[in-house]
Amino acid sequence: MNVQANAAFRSRTTQRALRHRLLSSVPSSHGVGLDGIVPSSVDEWSRSRQELLVKEVSSAMRAGKFRFTNYREGLASRGRDRPPRVFAIPTVRDRLALSAMKDCLADVYLHRGPEPPQRKINRVVDAVNSGAYSHYLKIDIQDYFGSIQHDVLLRRVRRQVRTDRLLDLIDRALRNPTVAFGQRSGGLTSASSGLPLGLSISSLLAELYLSDFDLQHKSRAYFRYVDDILVLSSGAPASLTGMQNDLRSIGLSTHPLGTPGKCEEGRISSGFQYLGYQFNGRSVNVSDAGIRKIESQLARLISQAGKTLVDPQADRERKRLLWRLDLLIGGCVIDGYARGWIRYYNRVDALHELARLDSLVDKLLRRYALLGSPKPKRFISAFWASKDNLRFRHYAFDLDAITPGRARRELVDLEGLQPTTVTRMSDTEAMRTYRRLVRRHVLEMERDLEPAS
């Protein structure tokens, strides 16, 4: 019996633990499941309704009787000429159970998913700048989540988790059908592969799936972020065949060698891209895709604000625009962790692109007649501030330093909540609501700017 896993399961499925999750993580979730409930509406539920759900989920999980509702099918565009990505949207009840399952696995494995890309890219930049490597091999796994074999994954999990109730829940979460709204399935699928995208446990399980592969290659200058693998070597590129064989043994395949941006090898001096960075020898820049993404978000944000000038709430919209621009340009600190586009790209050594982005902001503000005082933050200033943790904390938006009084003001001034609603909130409720809304803004921003290799 795995005492650690059993203890984690007992701890994470108490009504107290589930109540915390219901109020802290569930309302910030995106998408509406087949229950038709908007996750953010949980904040408005009566205490008795919240307690009823918490009690039901806790009892069912502990008794081994919890059953998932079919996931609702969601589609995300991947651009022209590419089929959309299908992801799973759970009900509020299922989100609560999945959140508890993720906490259990995190307690056992001591991590909650992939290493943050910012830490990963820092190690890549240091390795490239060391001059110790002359060649690179870049590999992209084809349809990674869709190719994950259930039996292989569950064997990995069983090494440290022998709690039958948790193992059964994981198996059910994997085989629970994803259906279009209005449809129903006949029960669990018989599929032997595929990890549903969009579940809170998916990224952690995906990391466990490749844990043995990572250990096999950790002696190299080896880096992996989800399905993107980079190997640096001296003298000649690393062998692709051996790695392909190792991946094939667990049901995974790679794009053919020579597929641009997916599977390629060559000299570092000739240049390559990884996780949104462009490496040209020891010169490090933002990739073209990374620049296009930030330009697109700036244009969308400012143009949307420009359309509100005739609105009676135009002053509020201007304040909201400035706050969102400062968040996008200057970044933020949440739970002690620095986040944002500039923080991620603070290892670049070509600053002309940052100066050009500052000019773009000025141009867009002028086009939509939004120039005024105060002015938004500058990319160049944010870049230098991001080099030092203390300076960045003072420069960026620091959610950790927000007081209940400021939270209340901004819930009204920026988020548009009614003053009477905010007045009725306790300090704890006001802070929780404000933090949740800010986190949602940050997650939306990061999703749009997510680095891609």
Protein backbone atom coordinates (compact mmCIF):
# COMPACT_ATOMS: atom_id res chain seq x y z
CA MET A 1 0.00 0.00 0.00
CA ASN A 2 1.30 3.40 -0.96
CA VAL A 3 0.87 5.31 2.29
CA GLN A 4 1.80 8.65 0.72
CA ALA A 5 -0.76 8.34 -2.06
CA ASN A 6 -3.47 7.15 0.36
CA ALA A 7 -2.74 10.02 2.71
CA ALA A 8 -2.84 12.50 -0.17
CA PHE A 9 -6.17 11.09 -1.37
CA ARG A 10 -7.71 11.32 2.10
CA SER A 11 -6.40 14.86 2.58
CA ARG A 12 -7.48 16.19 -0.83
CA THR A 13 -11.00 14.73 -0.75
CA THR A 14 -12.11 16.17 2.58
CA GLN A 15 -15.03 18.57 2.41
CA ARG A 16 -12.77 21.36 3.66
CA ALA A 17 -10.19 20.79 0.89
CA LEU A 18 -12.88 20.52 -1.78
CA ARG A 19 -14.62 23.64 -0.51
CA HIS A 20 -11.35 25.57 -0.90
CA ARG A 21 -10.95 24.28 -4.46
CA LEU A 22 -14.56 25.08 -5.33
CA LEU A 23 -14.06 28.73 -4.36
CA SER A 24 -10.46 29.22 -5.50
CA SER A 25 -9.86 27.31 -8.74
CA VAL A 26 -13.21 26.28 -10.21
CA PRO A 27 -14.58 29.84 -10.77
CA SER A 28 -11.53 30.81 -12.83
CA SER A 29 -12.04 27.89 -15.24
CA HIS A 30 -13.04 28.52 -18.84
CA GLY A 31 -15.79 26.92 -20.86
CA VAL A 32 -19.22 25.53 -20.03
CA GLY A 33 -19.68 21.78 -19.70
CA LEU A 34 -22.79 19.73 -20.42
CA ASP A 35 -24.29 20.93 -17.13
CA GLY A 36 -24.68 24.38 -18.70
CA ILE A 37 -23.16 26.07 -15.63
CA VAL A 38 -20.71 28.93 -16.10
CA PRO A 39 -17.87 28.17 -13.65
CA SER A 40 -17.57 31.78 -12.48
CA SER A 41 -21.20 31.67 -11.30
CA VAL A 42 -20.11 29.44 -8.39
CA ASP A 43 -19.21 32.63 -6.52
CA GLU A 44 -22.88 33.62 -6.61
CA TRP A 45 -24.22 30.30 -5.34
CA SER A 46 -25.80 30.13 -1.93
CA ARG A 47 -23.67 28.61 0.82
CA SER A 48 -26.07 25.65 1.05
CA ARG A 49 -25.71 24.90 -2.68
CA GLN A 50 -21.92 25.03 -2.45
CA GLU A 51 -21.93 22.75 0.59
CA LEU A 52 -24.27 20.28 -1.08
CA LEU A 53 -21.92 19.88 -4.07
CA VAL A 54 -18.84 19.60 -1.87
CA LYS A 55 -20.45 16.92 0.29
CA GLU A 56 -21.64 14.96 -2.75
CA VAL A 57 -18.23 14.95 -4.48
CA SER A 58 -16.35 14.11 -1.28
CA SER A 59 -18.63 11.19 -0.44
CA ALA A 60 -18.63 9.77 -3.97
CA MET A 61 -14.84 9.99 -4.40
CA ARG A 62 -14.12 8.41 -1.01
CA ALA A 63 -16.62 5.61 -1.61
CA GLY A 64 -15.20 4.86 -5.06
CA LYS A 65 -18.55 5.72 -6.67
CA PHE A 66 -17.75 8.98 -8.46
CA ARG A 67 -18.77 8.96 -12.12
CA PHE A 68 -17.89 11.65 -14.65
CA THR A 69 -20.42 13.33 -16.90
CA ASN A 70 -19.40 13.27 -20.58
CA TYR A 71 -17.00 16.09 -21.43
CA ARG A 72 -18.34 18.74 -23.74
CA GLU A 73 -16.41 19.10 -27.00
CA GLY A 74 -14.55 22.38 -27.47
CA LEU A 75 -12.72 23.46 -30.61
CA ALA A 76 -9.71 25.76 -30.86
CA SER A 77 -8.53 27.12 -34.20
CA ARG A 78 -4.98 26.26 -35.24
CA GLY A 79 -4.92 28.56 -38.22
CA ARG A 80 -5.73 28.31 -41.89
CA ASP A 81 -5.64 24.88 -43.55
CA ARG A 82 -5.30 23.04 -40.23
CA PRO A 83 -8.10 21.14 -38.47
CA PRO A 84 -9.12 22.65 -35.13
CA ARG A 85 -7.77 21.21 -31.89
CA VAL A 86 -10.41 19.30 -29.91
CA PHE A 87 -10.41 19.74 -26.15
CA ALA A 88 -12.61 18.50 -23.31
CA ILE A 89 -14.76 20.76 -21.12
CA PRO A 90 -15.86 19.13 -17.84
CA THR A 91 -18.91 20.06 -15.77
CA VAL A 92 -18.43 22.11 -12.58
CA ARG A 93 -18.87 18.96 -10.50
CA ASP A 94 -16.22 17.12 -12.53
CA ARG A 95 -13.83 20.09 -12.42
CA LEU A 96 -13.94 19.87 -8.64
CA ALA A 97 -13.10 16.15 -8.67
CA LEU A 98 -10.35 16.59 -11.27
CA SER A 99 -8.85 19.42 -9.23
CA ALA A 100 -8.67 17.14 -6.19
CA MET A 101 -7.09 14.39 -8.32
CA LYS A 102 -4.45 16.81 -9.58
CA ASP A 103 -3.64 17.86 -6.02
CA CYS A 104 -3.24 14.19 -5.04
CA LEU A 105 -0.84 13.49 -7.90
CA ALA A 106 1.07 16.70 -7.21
CA ASP A 107 1.53 15.64 -3.57
CA VAL A 108 2.92 12.29 -4.70
CA TYR A 109 5.13 13.44 -7.59
CA LEU A 110 6.05 16.85 -6.12
CA HIS A 111 5.20 18.78 -9.30
CA ARG A 112 2.03 19.96 -11.02
CA GLY A 113 3.04 19.66 -14.67
CA PRO A 114 5.77 20.77 -17.08
CA GLU A 115 8.62 22.95 -15.89
CA PRO A 116 7.61 26.57 -16.68
CA PRO A 117 8.85 27.47 -20.18
CA GLN A 118 10.69 30.50 -18.80
CA ARG A 119 12.94 28.29 -16.66
CA LYS A 120 13.39 25.86 -19.53
CA ILE A 121 14.43 28.53 -22.02
CA ASN A 122 16.84 30.09 -19.51
CA ARG A 123 18.74 26.81 -19.37
CA VAL A 124 18.73 26.55 -23.18
CA VAL A 125 20.10 30.10 -23.56
CA ASP A 126 22.83 29.39 -21.00
CA ALA A 127 23.81 26.18 -22.80
CA VAL A 128 23.95 27.87 -26.23
CA ASN A 129 25.89 30.84 -24.87
CA SER A 130 28.41 28.55 -23.18
CA GLY A 131 29.96 27.79 -26.57
CA ALA A 132 30.30 24.12 -25.62
CA TYR A 133 27.94 22.92 -28.35
CA SER A 134 28.10 23.23 -32.11
CA HIS A 135 25.04 21.28 -33.33
CA TYR A 136 21.39 20.86 -32.47
CA LEU A 137 18.70 18.25 -33.01
CA LYS A 138 15.11 19.36 -32.73
CA ILE A 139 12.26 16.84 -32.47
CA ASP A 140 8.50 17.31 -32.33
CA ILE A 141 6.27 14.39 -31.30
CA GLN A 142 3.30 13.90 -33.59
CA ASP A 143 -0.13 14.14 -31.92
CA TYR A 144 1.43 13.65 -28.51
CA PHE A 145 -1.69 13.76 -26.32
CA GLY A 146 -3.68 11.71 -28.81
CA SER A 147 -1.00 8.98 -28.95
CA ILE A 148 -0.54 8.41 -25.20
CA GLN A 149 -1.21 4.72 -24.47
CA HIS A 150 -3.47 4.21 -21.46
CA ASP A 151 -1.82 0.99 -20.29
CA VAL A 152 1.66 2.54 -20.43
CA LEU A 153 0.50 5.64 -18.57
CA LEU A 154 -1.31 3.68 -15.85
CA ARG A 155 1.77 1.48 -15.33
CA ARG A 156 3.79 4.64 -14.77
CA VAL A 157 1.26 5.94 -12.27
CA ARG A 158 1.00 2.61 -10.38
CA ARG A 159 4.69 2.74 -9.47
CA GLN A 160 3.90 5.32 -6.81
CA VAL A 161 0.11 5.27 -6.62
CA ARG A 162 -1.60 2.07 -5.48
CA THR A 163 -4.76 3.72 -4.22
CA ASP A 164 -7.48 1.87 -6.14
CA ARG A 165 -9.99 4.71 -5.88
CA LEU A 166 -7.56 7.22 -7.40
CA LEU A 167 -6.38 4.80 -10.10
CA ASP A 168 -10.00 4.06 -11.05
CA LEU A 169 -10.76 7.78 -11.26
CA ILE A 170 -7.76 8.35 -13.54
CA ASP A 171 -8.81 5.47 -15.79
CA ARG A 172 -12.36 6.84 -15.97
CA ALA A 173 -11.11 10.37 -16.69
CA LEU A 174 -9.04 9.02 -19.59
CA ARG A 175 -11.88 6.99 -21.12
CA ASN A 176 -14.72 9.42 -20.47
CA PRO A 177 -16.18 10.44 -23.86
CA THR A 178 -16.00 13.96 -25.28
CA VAL A 179 -19.22 14.78 -27.12
CA ALA A 180 -20.84 17.76 -28.83
CA PHE A 181 -23.34 19.78 -26.83
CA GLY A 182 -26.73 18.09 -26.77
CA GLN A 183 -25.35 14.61 -27.36
CA ARG A 184 -24.91 11.77 -24.91
CA SER A 185 -22.61 8.76 -25.01
CA GLY A 186 -23.33 5.19 -24.01
CA GLY A 187 -20.63 5.12 -21.35
CA LEU A 188 -16.87 4.87 -21.09
CA THR A 189 -15.07 4.39 -24.39
CA SER A 190 -12.99 1.33 -25.17
CA ALA A 191 -10.20 3.52 -26.57
CA SER A 192 -6.73 2.39 -25.54
CA SER A 193 -5.00 5.71 -26.25
CA GLY A 194 -5.50 9.43 -25.98
CA LEU A 195 -5.26 11.94 -23.15
CA PRO A 196 -8.07 14.52 -23.25
CA LEU A 197 -6.80 18.06 -23.75
CA GLY A 198 -8.09 20.69 -21.34
CA LEU A 199 -8.38 18.65 -18.14
CA SER A 200 -6.52 19.95 -15.11
CA ILE A 201 -4.72 16.59 -14.71
CA SER A 202 -3.68 16.25 -18.36
CA SER A 203 -0.39 18.17 -18.31
CA LEU A 204 0.84 16.35 -15.20
CA LEU A 205 -0.05 12.93 -16.64
CA ALA A 206 1.65 13.86 -19.92
CA GLU A 207 4.84 14.62 -17.98
CA LEU A 208 4.70 11.27 -16.19
CA TYR A 209 4.30 9.48 -19.52
CA LEU A 210 7.73 10.64 -20.74
CA SER A 211 9.48 10.42 -17.36
CA ASP A 212 11.47 7.29 -18.32
CA PHE A 213 12.42 8.77 -21.67
CA ASP A 214 13.67 11.92 -19.93
CA LEU A 215 15.82 9.84 -17.57
CA GLN A 216 17.33 7.92 -20.49
CA HIS A 217 18.61 11.14 -22.04
CA LYS A 218 19.30 13.37 -19.05
CA SER A 219 23.08 12.90 -19.40
CA ARG A 220 22.94 14.96 -22.63
CA ALA A 221 22.25 18.64 -23.14
CA TYR A 222 18.63 17.56 -23.41
CA PHE A 223 15.59 19.80 -23.09
CA ARG A 224 11.91 18.93 -23.47
CA TYR A 225 8.82 21.09 -23.14
CA VAL A 226 5.71 18.92 -23.53
CA ASP A 227 6.22 17.49 -27.06
CA ASP A 228 9.11 19.72 -28.21
CA ILE A 229 12.55 18.18 -27.71
CA LEU A 230 15.92 19.85 -28.22
CA VAL A 231 19.33 18.15 -27.94
CA LEU A 232 22.58 20.10 -28.19
CA SER A 233 25.83 18.34 -29.03
CA SER A 234 29.42 19.03 -29.97
CA GLY A 235 31.03 17.76 -33.16
CA ALA A 236 27.92 16.35 -34.82
CA PRO A 237 24.14 16.24 -34.26
CA ALA A 238 22.82 13.68 -31.77
CA SER A 239 21.45 10.44 -33.20
CA LEU A 240 17.79 10.76 -34.12
CA THR A 241 17.25 7.04 -34.74
CA GLY A 242 17.88 5.96 -31.16
CA MET A 243 15.48 8.53 -29.76
CA GLN A 244 12.82 7.63 -32.33
CA ASN A 245 13.09 3.97 -31.32
CA ASP A 246 12.70 4.85 -27.64
CA LEU A 247 9.61 6.92 -28.41
CA ARG A 248 8.18 4.26 -30.71
CA SER A 249 8.38 1.71 -27.89
CA ILE A 250 5.73 3.71 -26.00
CA GLY A 251 3.53 4.41 -29.01
CA LEU A 252 4.91 7.81 -30.01
CA SER A 253 6.27 8.93 -33.37
CA THR A 254 8.06 12.03 -34.62
CA HIS A 255 7.72 14.17 -37.69
CA PRO A 256 10.12 13.14 -40.49
CA LEU A 257 13.61 14.60 -40.33
CA GLY A 258 13.73 17.76 -42.42
CA THR A 259 10.23 18.94 -41.51
CA PRO A 260 10.79 22.70 -41.02
CA GLY A 261 10.24 23.82 -37.45
CA LYS A 262 9.30 20.28 -36.38
CA CYS A 263 12.13 17.82 -36.87
CA GLU A 264 15.47 19.16 -38.04
CA GLU A 265 19.17 19.18 -37.27
CA GLY A 266 22.11 21.40 -38.09
CA ARG A 267 24.76 23.74 -36.83
CA ILE A 268 23.82 26.20 -34.09
CA SER A 269 25.63 28.92 -36.05
CA SER A 270 23.11 28.45 -38.89
CA GLY A 271 20.25 29.32 -36.56
CA PHE A 272 17.23 27.54 -35.12
CA GLN A 273 14.05 28.30 -33.16
CA TYR A 274 12.91 26.83 -29.88
CA LEU A 275 9.98 27.84 -27.65
CA GLY A 276 9.52 31.20 -29.28
CA TYR A 277 13.22 32.15 -29.30
CA GLN A 278 15.38 32.57 -32.39
CA PHE A 279 18.99 31.45 -31.90
CA ASN A 280 21.57 32.62 -34.42
CA GLY A 281 24.85 31.39 -33.07
CA ARG A 282 25.09 33.17 -29.73
CA SER A 283 22.69 35.91 -30.76
CA VAL A 284 19.28 35.48 -29.11
CA ASN A 285 16.11 37.17 -30.40
CA VAL A 286 12.34 36.85 -30.25
CA SER A 287 11.12 34.60 -33.06
CA ASP A 288 9.00 36.09 -35.83
CA ALA A 289 6.01 34.17 -34.47
CA GLY A 290 6.58 35.66 -31.01
CA ILE A 291 6.64 39.18 -32.43
CA ARG A 292 3.48 38.57 -34.48
CA LYS A 293 1.61 37.34 -31.42
CA ILE A 294 2.41 40.37 -29.27
CA GLU A 295 1.64 42.72 -32.17
CA SER A 296 -1.70 41.02 -32.72
CA GLN A 297 -2.68 41.27 -29.07
CA LEU A 298 -1.67 44.93 -28.85
CA ALA A 299 -3.72 45.75 -31.95
CA ARG A 300 -6.75 43.83 -30.72
CA LEU A 301 -6.66 45.36 -27.24
CA ILE A 302 -6.24 48.95 -28.39
CA SER A 303 -8.75 48.73 -31.25
CA GLN A 304 -11.39 47.28 -28.89
CA ALA A 305 -10.84 50.19 -26.50
CA GLY A 306 -11.01 52.66 -29.38
CA LYS A 307 -14.50 51.46 -30.27
CA THR A 308 -15.79 52.36 -26.79
CA LEU A 309 -15.06 56.09 -27.05
CA VAL A 310 -18.73 56.83 -27.73
CA ASP A 311 -19.80 54.68 -24.78
CA PRO A 312 -21.04 56.43 -21.63
CA GLN A 313 -18.49 54.34 -19.73
CA ALA A 314 -15.60 55.56 -21.93
CA ASP A 315 -13.58 56.84 -18.97
CA ARG A 316 -13.72 53.45 -17.30
CA GLU A 317 -12.73 51.79 -20.56
CA ARG A 318 -9.70 54.07 -20.90
CA LYS A 319 -8.60 53.14 -17.37
CA ARG A 320 -9.22 49.49 -18.15
CA LEU A 321 -7.18 49.79 -21.37
CA LEU A 322 -4.25 51.35 -19.53
CA TRP A 323 -4.34 48.61 -16.89
CA ARG A 324 -4.48 45.84 -19.51
CA LEU A 325 -1.70 47.45 -21.56
CA ASP A 326 0.51 47.76 -18.49
CA LEU A 327 -0.16 44.12 -17.68
CA LEU A 328 0.63 43.04 -21.25
CA ILE A 329 3.75 45.20 -21.61
CA GLY A 330 5.12 45.24 -18.08
CA GLY A 331 4.16 41.81 -16.79
CA CYS A 332 3.07 40.89 -13.28
CA VAL A 333 3.94 39.04 -10.09
CA ILE A 334 1.53 36.38 -8.81
CA ASP A 335 2.28 34.19 -5.78
CA GLY A 336 5.88 35.37 -5.88
CA TYR A 337 6.35 34.27 -9.49
CA ALA A 338 7.19 36.80 -12.23
CA ARG A 339 5.05 36.37 -15.34
CA GLY A 340 4.42 38.05 -18.67
CA TRP A 341 5.73 38.37 -22.22
CA ILE A 342 8.69 40.59 -21.35
CA ARG A 343 9.73 38.41 -18.43
CA TYR A 344 9.76 35.40 -20.73
CA TYR A 345 11.78 37.19 -23.42
CA ASN A 346 14.22 38.96 -21.11
CA ARG A 347 17.13 36.86 -22.44
CA VAL A 348 17.09 38.49 -25.89
CA ASP A 349 20.09 40.62 -26.87
CA ALA A 350 18.57 42.58 -29.79
CA LEU A 351 16.55 45.48 -28.37
CA HIS A 352 15.53 47.10 -31.65
CA GLU A 353 12.40 44.92 -31.79
CA LEU A 354 11.36 46.18 -28.34
CA ALA A 355 11.83 49.79 -29.46
CA ARG A 356 9.71 49.03 -32.52
CA LEU A 357 6.94 47.61 -30.30
CA ASP A 358 6.96 50.82 -28.24
CA SER A 359 6.53 52.78 -31.47
CA LEU A 360 3.69 50.48 -32.51
CA VAL A 361 1.84 51.16 -29.23
CA ASP A 362 2.17 54.92 -29.76
CA LYS A 363 0.95 54.59 -33.33
CA LEU A 364 -2.10 52.54 -32.37
CA LEU A 365 -3.03 54.84 -29.50
CA ARG A 366 -2.79 57.81 -31.84
CA ARG A 367 -4.87 56.07 -34.52
CA TYR A 368 -7.73 55.45 -32.08
CA ALA A 369 -7.42 58.86 -30.37
CA LEU A 370 -6.41 57.23 -27.07
CA LEU A 371 -3.21 59.12 -26.42
CA GLY A 372 -3.30 60.87 -23.09
CA SER A 373 -2.01 60.84 -19.57
CA PRO A 374 -0.93 58.69 -17.87
CA LYS A 375 0.91 56.82 -20.60
CA PRO A 376 1.32 53.02 -20.67
CA LYS A 377 4.53 51.25 -19.71
CA ARG A 378 7.31 50.84 -22.27
CA PHE A 379 8.76 47.56 -23.52
CA ILE A 380 12.33 48.85 -23.21
CA SER A 381 11.82 49.94 -19.59
CA ALA A 382 10.06 46.66 -18.79
CA PHE A 383 12.96 44.71 -20.31
CA TRP A 384 15.55 46.31 -18.04
CA ALA A 385 13.30 46.00 -15.00
CA SER A 386 12.79 42.29 -15.74
CA LYS A 387 16.51 41.66 -15.31
CA ASP A 388 16.27 42.05 -11.52
CA ASN A 389 13.62 40.36 -9.37
CA LEU A 390 13.26 43.19 -6.85
CA ARG A 391 13.16 45.87 -9.52
CA PHE A 392 10.62 43.87 -11.52
CA ARG A 393 8.37 43.50 -8.48
CA HIS A 394 8.31 47.30 -8.12
CA TYR A 395 7.85 47.91 -11.86
CA ALA A 396 5.32 45.24 -12.78
CA PHE A 397 1.80 44.76 -11.47
CA ASP A 398 2.21 42.98 -8.11
CA LEU A 399 -0.95 41.07 -7.26
CA ASP A 400 0.63 39.86 -4.03
CA ALA A 401 0.81 43.46 -2.74
CA ILE A 402 -2.84 44.36 -3.40
CA THR A 403 -4.83 45.49 -0.34
CA PRO A 404 -8.54 44.82 0.21
CA GLY A 405 -9.26 48.53 -0.29
CA ARG A 406 -7.61 48.62 -3.70
CA ALA A 407 -9.24 45.34 -4.66
CA ARG A 408 -12.66 46.81 -3.90
CA ARG A 409 -11.96 50.00 -5.89
CA GLU A 410 -10.75 48.12 -8.94
CA LEU A 411 -13.61 45.63 -8.84
CA VAL A 412 -15.87 48.63 -9.35
CA ASP A 413 -13.68 50.90 -11.51
CA LEU A 414 -12.11 48.29 -13.78
CA GLU A 415 -14.24 45.17 -13.60
CA GLY A 416 -17.60 46.95 -13.60
CA LEU A 417 -19.09 45.28 -10.51
CA GLN A 418 -21.88 47.16 -8.80
CA PRO A 419 -20.71 49.15 -5.74
CA THR A 420 -23.50 47.63 -3.63
CA THR A 421 -22.32 44.12 -4.56
CA VAL A 422 -18.72 44.92 -3.62
CA THR A 423 -19.79 46.59 -0.36
CA ARG A 424 -21.54 43.42 0.75
CA MET A 425 -18.34 41.40 0.27
CA SER A 426 -16.05 40.65 3.19
CA ASP A 427 -12.38 41.55 2.74
CA THR A 428 -11.65 37.88 2.06
CA GLU A 429 -14.37 37.63 -0.60
CA ALA A 430 -13.27 40.88 -2.27
CA MET A 431 -9.65 39.74 -2.41
CA ARG A 432 -10.59 36.29 -3.69
CA THR A 433 -12.84 37.73 -6.40
CA TYR A 434 -10.26 40.28 -7.48
CA ARG A 435 -7.41 37.75 -7.57
CA ARG A 436 -9.55 35.37 -9.60
CA LEU A 437 -10.39 38.04 -12.18
CA VAL A 438 -6.77 39.15 -12.47
CA ARG A 439 -5.64 35.54 -12.87
CA ARG A 440 -8.19 35.13 -15.66
CA HIS A 441 -6.77 38.16 -17.48
CA VAL A 442 -3.25 36.79 -17.08
CA LEU A 443 -4.23 33.30 -18.27
CA GLU A 444 -5.97 34.74 -21.33
CA MET A 445 -2.92 36.85 -22.10
CA GLU A 446 -0.51 33.94 -21.66
CA ARG A 447 -2.67 31.62 -23.75
CA ASP A 448 -2.59 34.09 -26.66
CA LEU A 449 1.17 34.63 -26.27
CA GLU A 450 2.06 30.99 -25.57
CA PRO A 451 5.51 30.32 -27.03
CA ALA A 452 5.70 27.87 -29.89
CA SER A 453 8.75 26.31 -31.43
